């Protein structure tokens, strides 16, 4: 008898990647938006442009409510989007019973965008917003181990050695790769030798070298700040590769040692009941208790920092429970809880859609193009206040390219979605069955660009995003596994509202 297994978080994510990567998608099935500087498809809407014909065969066609806003009426948007489809092989099934979110505006414009300057003025603004007039110290010297901290680690390793425990962190036990000598996977003696060297070079006390925050010649900076309330923060600033602006501001607890800087805040998929409390992950209730505040209170705290940053044209688009994970050897522990509050900008009442993919991908490993990741701001907040914030790749909104862009009707978009999502999920190598339920559809901006022509400018265009819950069943090593993904900010397909082309958010076009 085959055993039915619900995989933990790591297995779910790995399975999802494998399933996606192995899908046999016809070469011409997904049309990606490229050549973003070509504005031929983006035309001004004319009087009566909203009277587009509705395809009679689409199940999504429903009567538009009189209470809907002007844009929803113009695009023939139903209050509830209902549809279903099945792939030819019968493995993939789609059901849609989704609310449709349309911003309350009469017109939508298309804008050119570029990269906001990562200059000294902006660095000063960020530092002041997060740490006020607190002194700023060089991070490399500030966060290095003291002799006391290094000796504590060294004694711990020597104690393991005296006990005969040569794999205290489980590296060798977890290894399932090629047959290589154990000492090449992990050597306790090499670890001890390394910490002997750290101890020899470590200062007696933490060195505080006060500096003025600025990017170095390599586009990098690492700082520490001591706030008036006694809290200690680290700043990391980068201007490299696909991230022309990356600013991370994180709390630091000296009692946990310098390794606490590497703690990572993550948002579990608490919408998937099979992923709750597995693999050491706190349950939803435990995470809420660790957070100690409500989601609404978290947004208020995060909003106060956005105001200090002067980013008043941004608003919170997504709030979700989060936990702080820390890797100890091969084991993950969860040390804190809070809320992720994610922001995107609004332009004349029309929002940039928040989606979890940060972009910056390449079509192939052989590509020599320089990618450009998306703009976003994310804050992690709990009862102690702000715990971490990241500011990524801010845009400079430029000239308006089209004042009132003509868009396809929603029934036309829905027909494209139903066809393309089915094609995209047909022929998956490892899945015995795939089910996708769309529960939310949104209209908002995303930025597209042509990395082959210019990786510093693009355009903001209106797109439809389809969100929902997927369940995939497959057999692995004789066991039937179930992978469930129900993340709120994971778009299953992004369709250009103007011309119906499918945009790959990972690539940015």
Protein backbone atom coordinates (compact mmCIF):
# COMPACT_ATOMS: atom_id res chain seq x y z
CA UNK A 1 0.00 0.00 0.00
CA UNK A 2 1.35 3.41 -0.93
CA UNK A 3 1.75 5.91 1.88
CA UNK A 4 0.38 9.44 1.48
CA UNK A 5 2.79 12.06 2.74
CA UNK A 6 2.53 15.80 3.27
CA UNK A 7 5.96 17.25 2.71
CA UNK A 8 7.44 19.95 4.93
CA UNK A 9 8.28 23.50 3.81
CA UNK A 10 11.66 22.69 2.27
CA UNK A 11 10.27 19.70 0.40
CA UNK A 12 7.32 21.71 -0.87
CA UNK A 13 9.51 24.42 -2.29
CA UNK A 14 11.95 21.94 -3.82
CA UNK A 15 9.12 19.94 -5.37
CA UNK A 16 7.55 23.08 -6.77
CA UNK A 17 10.82 24.09 -8.42
CA UNK A 18 11.29 20.63 -9.90
CA UNK A 19 7.77 20.52 -11.25
CA UNK A 20 8.06 23.92 -12.80
CA UNK A 21 11.47 23.30 -14.29
CA UNK A 22 10.50 20.00 -15.89
CA UNK A 23 7.28 21.11 -17.54
CA UNK A 24 7.24 20.64 -21.30
CA UNK A 25 5.85 23.92 -22.52
CA UNK A 26 5.46 24.43 -26.28
CA UNK A 27 7.94 27.01 -27.49
CA UNK A 28 5.31 29.47 -28.68
CA UNK A 29 2.80 28.98 -25.89
CA UNK A 30 3.91 31.78 -23.59
CA UNK A 31 4.42 35.08 -25.35
CA UNK A 32 6.68 37.32 -23.29
CA UNK A 33 6.60 41.09 -23.42
CA UNK A 34 9.89 42.30 -24.85
CA UNK A 35 11.08 45.50 -26.45
CA UNK A 36 9.47 47.63 -23.75
CA UNK A 37 10.66 50.83 -25.36
CA UNK A 38 8.48 50.11 -28.38
CA UNK A 39 5.25 52.02 -27.70
CA UNK A 40 3.31 50.93 -30.78
CA UNK A 41 0.95 48.71 -28.74
CA UNK A 42 0.19 51.46 -26.22
CA UNK A 43 -2.45 53.73 -27.72
CA UNK A 44 -4.74 56.39 -26.33
CA UNK A 45 -8.24 55.14 -25.66
CA UNK A 46 -10.87 56.81 -27.81
CA UNK A 47 -14.44 57.71 -26.93
CA UNK A 48 -16.46 54.49 -26.76
CA UNK A 49 -13.31 52.32 -26.61
CA UNK A 50 -14.82 50.47 -23.69
CA UNK A 51 -17.55 48.99 -25.91
CA UNK A 52 -15.41 46.01 -26.87
CA UNK A 53 -17.09 42.81 -27.97
CA UNK A 54 -17.28 39.99 -25.42
CA UNK A 55 -16.27 36.46 -26.54
CA UNK A 56 -19.44 34.40 -26.16
CA UNK A 57 -17.65 31.11 -25.41
CA UNK A 58 -15.84 32.29 -22.26
CA UNK A 59 -17.32 31.09 -18.96
CA UNK A 60 -16.01 34.27 -17.30
CA UNK A 61 -18.65 36.45 -18.93
CA UNK A 62 -21.06 37.72 -16.30
CA UNK A 63 -23.20 40.77 -15.82
CA UNK A 64 -21.25 43.77 -14.55
CA UNK A 65 -22.69 45.22 -11.33
CA UNK A 66 -24.02 48.77 -11.41
CA UNK A 67 -22.05 49.54 -8.22
CA UNK A 68 -18.69 48.97 -9.89
CA UNK A 69 -16.29 51.83 -10.61
CA UNK A 70 -15.88 53.45 -14.03
CA UNK A 71 -12.79 51.48 -15.02
CA UNK A 72 -14.38 48.15 -14.09
CA UNK A 73 -17.41 48.99 -16.22
CA UNK A 74 -15.24 50.09 -19.11
CA UNK A 75 -13.33 46.78 -19.04
CA UNK A 76 -16.49 44.68 -18.54
CA UNK A 77 -15.20 43.20 -15.29
CA UNK A 78 -17.52 40.76 -13.49
CA UNK A 79 -17.91 40.95 -9.73
CA UNK A 80 -16.88 37.29 -9.50
CA UNK A 81 -14.73 35.60 -12.12
CA UNK A 82 -15.82 32.00 -12.70
CA UNK A 83 -14.25 29.56 -15.12
CA UNK A 84 -12.91 26.04 -15.45
CA UNK A 85 -10.57 24.18 -17.80
CA UNK A 86 -8.80 20.83 -18.09
CA UNK A 87 -5.66 19.93 -20.01
CA UNK A 88 -5.87 17.42 -22.86
CA UNK A 89 -4.07 14.77 -20.80
CA UNK A 90 -6.48 15.30 -17.90
CA UNK A 91 -3.68 15.87 -15.38
CA UNK A 92 -4.16 19.63 -14.93
CA UNK A 93 -7.48 21.13 -13.86
CA UNK A 94 -8.29 24.82 -13.38
CA UNK A 95 -11.16 26.31 -11.41
CA UNK A 96 -11.75 30.03 -10.94
CA UNK A 97 -14.05 31.51 -8.32
CA UNK A 98 -12.25 34.77 -7.78
CA UNK A 99 -12.86 38.29 -6.60
CA UNK A 100 -11.62 40.84 -9.14
CA UNK A 101 -9.86 43.94 -7.81
CA UNK A 102 -9.93 47.02 -10.04
CA UNK A 103 -8.59 50.40 -8.81
CA UNK A 104 -11.21 53.15 -8.58
CA UNK A 105 -9.83 55.37 -11.36
CA UNK A 106 -11.27 56.49 -14.68
CA UNK A 107 -8.06 56.33 -16.72
CA UNK A 108 -4.72 54.51 -16.59
CA UNK A 109 -1.51 56.03 -17.92
CA UNK A 110 1.74 54.48 -19.10
CA UNK A 111 4.94 55.97 -17.64
CA UNK A 112 8.61 55.70 -18.41
CA UNK A 113 10.72 54.80 -15.37
CA UNK A 114 14.43 54.81 -14.64
CA UNK A 115 16.68 54.06 -11.70
CA UNK A 116 16.57 56.46 -8.78
CA UNK A 117 20.01 57.83 -7.98
CA UNK A 118 21.71 56.01 -5.11
CA UNK A 119 23.46 59.19 -4.04
CA UNK A 120 24.70 60.64 -0.77
CA UNK A 121 21.54 62.67 -0.24
CA UNK A 122 19.40 59.53 -0.32
CA UNK A 123 21.82 57.60 1.92
CA UNK A 124 21.65 60.43 4.48
CA UNK A 125 17.84 60.39 4.30
CA UNK A 126 17.70 56.62 4.94
CA UNK A 127 20.16 56.72 7.85
CA UNK A 128 18.31 59.61 9.46
CA UNK A 129 14.92 57.89 9.04
CA UNK A 130 16.03 54.68 10.72
CA UNK A 131 18.55 55.84 13.33
CA UNK A 132 18.12 59.60 13.73
CA UNK A 133 21.30 61.26 15.01
CA UNK A 134 22.80 58.06 16.44
CA UNK A 135 26.52 57.57 15.81
CA UNK A 136 27.41 55.34 12.85
CA UNK A 137 30.33 52.94 13.08
CA UNK A 138 32.29 50.86 10.59
CA UNK A 139 30.49 47.52 10.51
CA UNK A 140 33.47 45.29 9.74
CA UNK A 141 35.30 46.25 12.92
CA UNK A 142 32.16 46.64 15.03
CA UNK A 143 30.71 43.22 14.28
CA UNK A 144 33.92 41.18 14.47
CA UNK A 145 34.21 38.66 17.28
CA UNK A 146 35.83 39.75 20.53
CA UNK A 147 38.31 37.44 22.25
CA UNK A 148 35.62 36.44 24.73
CA UNK A 149 33.14 35.51 21.97
CA UNK A 150 35.77 33.64 19.94
CA UNK A 151 36.95 31.74 23.02
CA UNK A 152 33.38 30.70 23.81
CA UNK A 153 33.01 29.20 20.33
CA UNK A 154 36.45 27.61 20.51
CA UNK A 155 35.70 25.94 23.84
CA UNK A 156 32.42 24.63 22.44
CA UNK A 157 34.20 22.97 19.51
CA UNK A 158 36.91 21.49 21.73
CA UNK A 159 34.25 20.07 24.01
CA UNK A 160 32.68 18.30 21.02
CA UNK A 161 36.11 16.94 20.11
CA UNK A 162 36.71 15.65 23.66
CA UNK A 163 33.34 13.87 23.55
CA UNK A 164 34.27 12.23 20.26
CA UNK A 165 31.48 14.08 18.42
CA UNK A 166 33.18 14.86 15.11
CA UNK A 167 29.96 15.94 13.33
CA UNK A 168 28.28 18.24 15.90
CA UNK A 169 26.27 20.19 13.32
CA UNK A 170 25.14 17.24 11.22
CA UNK A 171 26.90 18.23 7.99
CA UNK A 172 28.26 14.73 7.33
CA UNK A 173 25.04 13.00 8.37
CA UNK A 174 23.01 15.21 6.02
CA UNK A 175 25.32 14.65 3.05
CA UNK A 176 23.67 12.62 0.29
CA UNK A 177 25.81 13.65 -2.66
CA UNK A 178 28.78 11.97 -4.30
CA UNK A 179 31.05 9.58 -2.42
CA UNK A 180 33.80 11.85 -1.06
CA UNK A 181 35.89 11.69 2.12
CA UNK A 182 34.05 12.89 5.23
CA UNK A 183 36.76 15.41 6.06
CA UNK A 184 36.02 17.20 2.80
CA UNK A 185 32.40 17.64 3.90
CA UNK A 186 33.26 18.85 7.39
CA UNK A 187 36.36 18.70 9.54
CA UNK A 188 36.02 19.55 13.23
CA UNK A 189 39.79 20.00 13.51
CA UNK A 190 39.80 22.47 10.60
CA UNK A 191 36.96 24.34 12.31
CA UNK A 192 38.97 24.50 15.53
CA UNK A 193 42.05 25.72 13.65
CA UNK A 194 39.95 28.45 12.01
CA UNK A 195 38.61 29.65 15.34
CA UNK A 196 42.11 29.56 16.85
CA UNK A 197 43.07 32.08 14.15
CA UNK A 198 39.96 34.19 14.80
CA UNK A 199 40.76 34.21 18.52
CA UNK A 200 44.36 35.23 17.91
CA UNK A 201 43.30 38.24 15.81
CA UNK A 202 40.22 39.23 17.83
CA UNK A 203 40.28 42.45 19.90
CA UNK A 204 39.59 42.41 23.63
CA UNK A 205 36.61 44.72 23.20
CA UNK A 206 34.42 45.68 20.29
CA UNK A 207 36.13 48.33 18.15
CA UNK A 208 34.04 51.41 17.40
CA UNK A 209 35.30 53.43 14.46
CA UNK A 210 32.86 56.28 13.81
CA UNK A 211 32.34 57.02 10.12
CA UNK A 212 30.07 58.87 7.70
CA UNK A 213 27.84 56.40 5.80
CA UNK A 214 28.67 56.31 2.09
CA UNK A 215 29.16 53.74 -0.66
CA UNK A 216 32.74 52.70 -1.33
CA UNK A 217 34.28 52.46 -4.80
CA UNK A 218 32.87 48.94 -5.20
CA UNK A 219 29.34 50.12 -4.42
CA UNK A 220 29.22 48.57 -0.95
CA UNK A 221 28.91 49.72 2.66
CA UNK A 222 28.47 47.99 6.03
CA UNK A 223 27.72 49.98 9.18
CA UNK A 224 26.53 49.70 12.76
CA UNK A 225 24.34 52.16 14.65
CA UNK A 226 23.71 52.47 18.40
CA UNK A 227 20.29 54.02 19.05
CA UNK A 228 19.32 56.01 22.13
CA UNK A 229 17.18 53.14 23.48
CA UNK A 230 20.26 50.90 23.54
CA UNK A 231 19.34 48.84 20.47
CA UNK A 232 22.01 48.06 17.90
CA UNK A 233 21.41 47.99 14.16
CA UNK A 234 23.36 46.98 11.10
CA UNK A 235 23.22 48.73 7.73
CA UNK A 236 24.13 47.04 4.48
CA UNK A 237 24.19 49.12 1.31
CA UNK A 238 24.91 47.66 -2.14
CA UNK A 239 24.94 48.87 -5.72
CA UNK A 240 25.81 45.77 -7.72
CA UNK A 241 24.57 43.77 -10.70
CA UNK A 242 20.82 43.44 -10.99
CA UNK A 243 20.36 45.39 -7.74
CA UNK A 244 21.26 49.04 -8.46
CA UNK A 245 19.95 49.85 -4.97
CA UNK A 246 19.86 47.45 -2.03
CA UNK A 247 19.55 48.79 1.51
CA UNK A 248 19.00 46.49 4.48
CA UNK A 249 18.51 47.70 8.05
CA UNK A 250 18.49 44.93 10.72
CA UNK A 251 18.33 44.68 14.49
CA UNK A 252 21.18 42.90 16.28
CA UNK A 253 21.26 41.23 19.67
CA UNK A 254 24.78 41.12 21.20
CA UNK A 255 23.75 38.23 23.46
CA UNK A 256 23.40 36.03 20.37
CA UNK A 257 26.85 36.91 19.08
CA UNK A 258 27.77 38.29 15.68
CA UNK A 259 26.20 35.30 13.90
CA UNK A 260 22.78 36.79 14.68
CA UNK A 261 23.33 39.21 11.79
CA UNK A 262 22.73 36.28 9.45
CA UNK A 263 19.25 35.60 10.86
CA UNK A 264 16.74 35.52 8.04
CA UNK A 265 13.13 36.71 8.18
CA UNK A 266 10.78 34.57 6.09
CA UNK A 267 7.03 34.48 5.43
CA UNK A 268 5.76 30.87 5.69
CA UNK A 269 2.84 29.66 3.62
CA UNK A 270 0.34 29.67 6.47
CA UNK A 271 -2.51 29.55 3.93
CA UNK A 272 -1.52 25.94 3.27
CA UNK A 273 -2.74 23.88 6.21
CA UNK A 274 -0.32 21.06 5.38
CA UNK A 275 2.61 23.45 5.91
CA UNK A 276 1.69 24.57 9.42
CA UNK A 277 3.96 23.51 12.27
CA UNK A 278 6.06 21.12 10.15
CA UNK A 279 9.84 20.82 10.02
CA UNK A 280 10.17 22.82 13.24
CA UNK A 281 8.20 25.71 11.78
CA UNK A 282 6.00 27.46 14.36
CA UNK A 283 2.27 27.10 13.85
CA UNK A 284 0.25 30.11 12.78
CA UNK A 285 -0.97 30.59 16.36
CA UNK A 286 2.59 30.37 17.73
CA UNK A 287 3.84 32.91 15.18
CA UNK A 288 1.02 35.29 16.13
CA UNK A 289 1.94 34.93 19.79
CA UNK A 290 5.61 35.65 19.06
CA UNK A 291 4.64 38.71 17.02
CA UNK A 292 2.73 40.12 19.97
CA UNK A 293 0.79 42.65 17.88
CA UNK A 294 -1.90 42.65 15.22
CA UNK A 295 -1.30 43.09 11.50
CA UNK A 296 -2.96 46.51 11.67
CA UNK A 297 -0.58 47.62 14.43
CA UNK A 298 2.38 46.38 12.39
CA UNK A 299 1.29 48.48 9.39
CA UNK A 300 1.06 51.61 11.56
CA UNK A 301 4.62 51.10 12.81
CA UNK A 302 5.94 50.49 9.28
CA UNK A 303 3.98 53.50 7.94
CA UNK A 304 5.79 55.77 10.39
CA UNK A 305 9.14 54.85 8.82
CA UNK A 306 7.80 55.32 5.29
CA UNK A 307 6.78 58.84 6.31
CA UNK A 308 10.28 59.53 7.66
CA UNK A 309 11.72 58.30 4.36
CA UNK A 310 9.49 60.72 2.50
CA UNK A 311 7.98 57.87 0.46
CA UNK A 312 4.40 59.06 0.82
CA UNK A 313 3.46 57.80 -2.66
CA UNK A 314 3.87 54.21 -1.40
CA UNK A 315 1.26 52.21 0.52
CA UNK A 316 1.17 48.79 2.19
CA UNK A 317 -0.06 46.21 -0.32
CA UNK A 318 0.63 42.99 1.55
CA UNK A 319 0.82 41.97 5.21
CA UNK A 320 1.65 38.44 6.31
CA UNK A 321 2.88 36.53 9.35
CA UNK A 322 6.64 36.05 9.35
CA UNK A 323 9.24 34.26 11.47
CA UNK A 324 12.95 34.76 11.94
CA UNK A 325 14.98 31.68 11.06
CA UNK A 326 18.54 30.96 12.02
CA UNK A 327 20.72 28.21 10.59
CA UNK A 328 22.72 26.30 13.20
CA UNK A 329 24.72 23.67 11.39
CA UNK A 330 22.17 21.82 9.26
CA UNK A 331 19.28 22.69 11.58
CA UNK A 332 16.96 25.68 11.33
CA UNK A 333 15.64 27.27 14.51
CA UNK A 334 12.97 29.97 14.67
CA UNK A 335 13.80 32.69 17.16
CA UNK A 336 11.17 35.37 16.66
CA UNK A 337 7.87 36.22 14.98
CA UNK A 338 6.31 39.29 13.42
CA UNK A 339 4.66 40.60 10.28
CA UNK A 340 5.97 41.32 6.82
CA UNK A 341 4.56 44.65 5.62
CA UNK A 342 5.32 45.11 1.91
CA UNK A 343 5.02 48.41 0.04
CA UNK A 344 4.71 49.46 -3.59
CA UNK A 345 4.01 52.86 -5.06
CA UNK A 346 0.73 54.35 -6.28
CA UNK A 347 0.49 56.74 -9.22
CA UNK A 348 -2.67 58.82 -9.46
CA UNK A 349 -4.55 56.20 -7.48
CA UNK A 350 -3.32 53.24 -9.56
CA UNK A 351 -1.06 50.80 -7.65
CA UNK A 352 1.99 48.78 -8.56
CA UNK A 353 1.00 45.19 -7.79
CA UNK A 354 3.04 43.50 -5.07
CA UNK A 355 4.26 40.07 -6.18
CA UNK A 356 6.87 38.02 -4.36
CA UNK A 357 9.20 37.49 -7.35
CA UNK A 358 11.89 40.18 -7.19
CA UNK A 359 12.83 39.62 -10.86
CA UNK A 360 16.33 39.97 -12.23
CA UNK A 361 16.35 36.56 -13.90
CA UNK A 362 18.01 35.55 -17.17
CA UNK A 363 16.60 33.44 -19.99
CA UNK A 364 19.60 31.11 -19.89
CA UNK A 365 22.88 30.54 -18.08
CA UNK A 366 24.69 31.63 -21.25
CA UNK A 367 23.05 35.07 -21.24
CA UNK A 368 25.44 38.02 -20.92
CA UNK A 369 22.68 40.61 -20.40
CA UNK A 370 22.61 42.69 -17.23
CA UNK A 371 19.22 42.20 -15.51
CA UNK A 372 17.30 44.74 -13.41
CA UNK A 373 15.28 43.63 -10.38
CA UNK A 374 12.02 45.23 -9.26
CA UNK A 375 11.39 48.09 -6.89
CA UNK A 376 10.00 47.14 -3.48
CA UNK A 377 10.14 47.99 0.21
CA UNK A 378 9.62 45.35 2.89
CA UNK A 379 9.44 45.82 6.66
CA UNK A 380 9.38 43.14 9.37
CA UNK A 381 7.66 44.36 12.52
CA UNK A 382 6.69 42.87 15.90
CA UNK A 383 5.86 44.03 19.43
CA UNK A 384 9.41 45.33 19.83
CA UNK A 385 8.99 47.56 16.77
CA UNK A 386 10.79 47.45 13.43
CA UNK A 387 13.12 44.44 13.21
CA UNK A 388 14.31 44.60 9.61
CA UNK A 389 13.68 46.72 6.52
CA UNK A 390 14.84 46.47 2.93
CA UNK A 391 14.65 49.09 0.19
CA UNK A 392 15.28 47.69 -3.26
CA UNK A 393 15.87 49.32 -6.64
CA UNK A 394 13.73 52.45 -6.33
CA UNK A 395 12.40 53.93 -9.57
CA UNK A 396 12.44 57.48 -10.83
CA UNK A 397 9.06 57.95 -12.50
CA UNK A 398 9.62 59.85 -15.73
CA UNK A 399 7.52 61.11 -18.58
CA UNK A 400 3.97 60.01 -19.20
CA UNK A 401 4.00 58.01 -22.45
CA UNK A 402 0.23 57.51 -22.82
CA UNK A 403 -2.33 59.47 -20.80
CA UNK A 404 -5.31 57.09 -21.08
CA UNK A 405 -4.12 53.78 -22.47
CA UNK A 406 -6.55 51.56 -24.34
CA UNK A 407 -6.91 48.14 -22.69
CA UNK A 408 -8.47 44.84 -23.62
CA UNK A 409 -11.76 43.85 -22.01
CA UNK A 410 -11.59 41.48 -19.04
CA UNK A 411 -13.41 38.68 -20.90
CA UNK A 412 -10.68 38.83 -23.56
CA UNK A 413 -7.97 38.72 -20.87
CA UNK A 414 -9.73 35.84 -19.10
CA UNK A 415 -9.84 33.83 -22.32
CA UNK A 416 -6.10 34.33 -22.77
CA UNK A 417 -5.41 33.35 -19.16
CA UNK A 418 -7.48 30.16 -19.32
CA UNK A 419 -5.69 29.07 -22.48
CA UNK A 420 -2.17 29.98 -21.44
CA UNK A 421 -2.28 28.68 -17.87
CA UNK A 422 -3.50 25.33 -19.20
CA UNK A 423 -0.74 25.18 -21.81
CA UNK A 424 1.85 26.21 -19.21
CA UNK A 425 0.85 23.35 -16.92
CA UNK A 426 0.47 20.64 -19.54
CA UNK A 427 3.05 17.85 -19.73
CA UNK A 428 4.59 18.19 -16.27
CA UNK A 429 6.96 15.27 -15.93
CA UNK A 430 6.56 14.36 -12.24
CA UNK A 431 2.97 15.26 -11.42
CA UNK A 432 0.26 12.62 -11.22
CA UNK A 433 -2.33 15.38 -10.93
CA UNK A 434 -2.33 19.19 -10.68
CA UNK A 435 -5.15 21.37 -9.43
CA UNK A 436 -5.15 25.17 -9.52
CA UNK A 437 -7.88 27.28 -7.95
CA UNK A 438 -7.80 31.02 -8.71
CA UNK A 439 -9.29 33.03 -5.84
CA UNK A 440 -8.13 36.60 -6.54
CA UNK A 441 -7.45 38.65 -9.67
CA UNK A 442 -5.92 42.12 -9.58
CA UNK A 443 -5.28 44.96 -12.00
CA UNK A 444 -2.18 47.05 -11.31
CA UNK A 445 1.14 48.26 -12.68
CA UNK A 446 4.30 46.28 -13.23
CA UNK A 447 7.55 47.44 -14.77
CA UNK A 448 8.76 45.84 -17.99
CA UNK A 449 12.01 46.49 -19.81
CA UNK A 450 14.19 45.23 -22.61
CA UNK A 451 17.52 44.12 -21.08
CA UNK A 452 18.94 43.58 -24.54
CA UNK A 453 18.50 47.26 -25.35
CA UNK A 454 18.69 49.11 -22.02
CA UNK A 455 18.76 47.86 -18.43
CA UNK A 456 18.31 51.27 -16.83
CA UNK A 457 14.90 52.31 -18.18
CA UNK A 458 11.53 50.67 -18.64
CA UNK A 459 7.83 51.43 -18.57
CA UNK A 460 5.06 50.93 -16.04
CA UNK A 461 2.19 49.10 -17.74
CA UNK A 462 -1.16 47.83 -16.42
CA UNK A 463 -1.29 44.06 -15.95
CA UNK A 464 -3.69 41.44 -14.67
CA UNK A 465 -2.37 39.01 -12.03
CA UNK A 466 -4.08 35.75 -11.10
CA UNK A 467 -3.53 34.45 -7.55
CA UNK A 468 -4.68 31.22 -5.96
CA UNK A 469 -3.99 27.80 -4.46
CA UNK A 470 -2.34 24.85 -6.16
CA UNK A 471 -2.22 21.19 -5.18
CA UNK A 472 0.09 18.75 -6.92
CA UNK A 473 0.22 15.01 -6.30
CA UNK A 474 3.19 12.96 -7.41
CA UNK A 475 5.00 9.75 -6.57
CA UNK A 476 8.51 9.83 -5.15
CA UNK A 477 10.41 6.72 -4.03
CA UNK A 478 7.19 4.74 -3.92
CA UNK A 479 5.33 7.28 -1.80
CA UNK A 480 2.50 9.53 -2.96
CA UNK A 481 3.31 13.11 -1.98
CA UNK A 482 1.12 16.19 -1.94
CA UNK A 483 2.56 19.66 -2.54
CA UNK A 484 0.27 22.54 -1.63
CA UNK A 485 1.15 26.17 -2.33
CA UNK A 486 -1.26 28.95 -1.39
CA UNK A 487 0.92 32.04 -0.97
CA UNK A 488 -1.00 35.31 -1.19
CA UNK A 489 1.59 37.16 -3.29
CA UNK A 490 2.48 34.39 -5.76
CA UNK A 491 0.97 35.25 -9.15
CA UNK A 492 0.20 32.22 -11.30
CA UNK A 493 0.22 34.29 -14.49
CA UNK A 494 0.72 37.94 -15.38
CA UNK A 495 -1.06 39.21 -18.50
CA UNK A 496 -0.45 42.61 -20.07
CA UNK A 497 -3.80 44.44 -19.89
CA UNK A 498 -3.03 46.35 -23.09
CA UNK A 499 -2.14 43.65 -25.63
CA UNK A 500 -2.69 40.36 -23.79
CA UNK A 501 0.93 39.19 -23.89
CA UNK A 502 2.12 37.08 -20.95
CA UNK A 503 4.85 38.69 -18.85
CA UNK A 504 7.43 36.54 -17.08
CA UNK A 505 7.91 38.30 -13.75
CA UNK A 506 11.18 36.48 -13.19
CA UNK A 507 12.63 38.07 -16.31
CA UNK A 508 10.87 41.44 -16.20
CA UNK A 509 9.30 41.29 -19.67
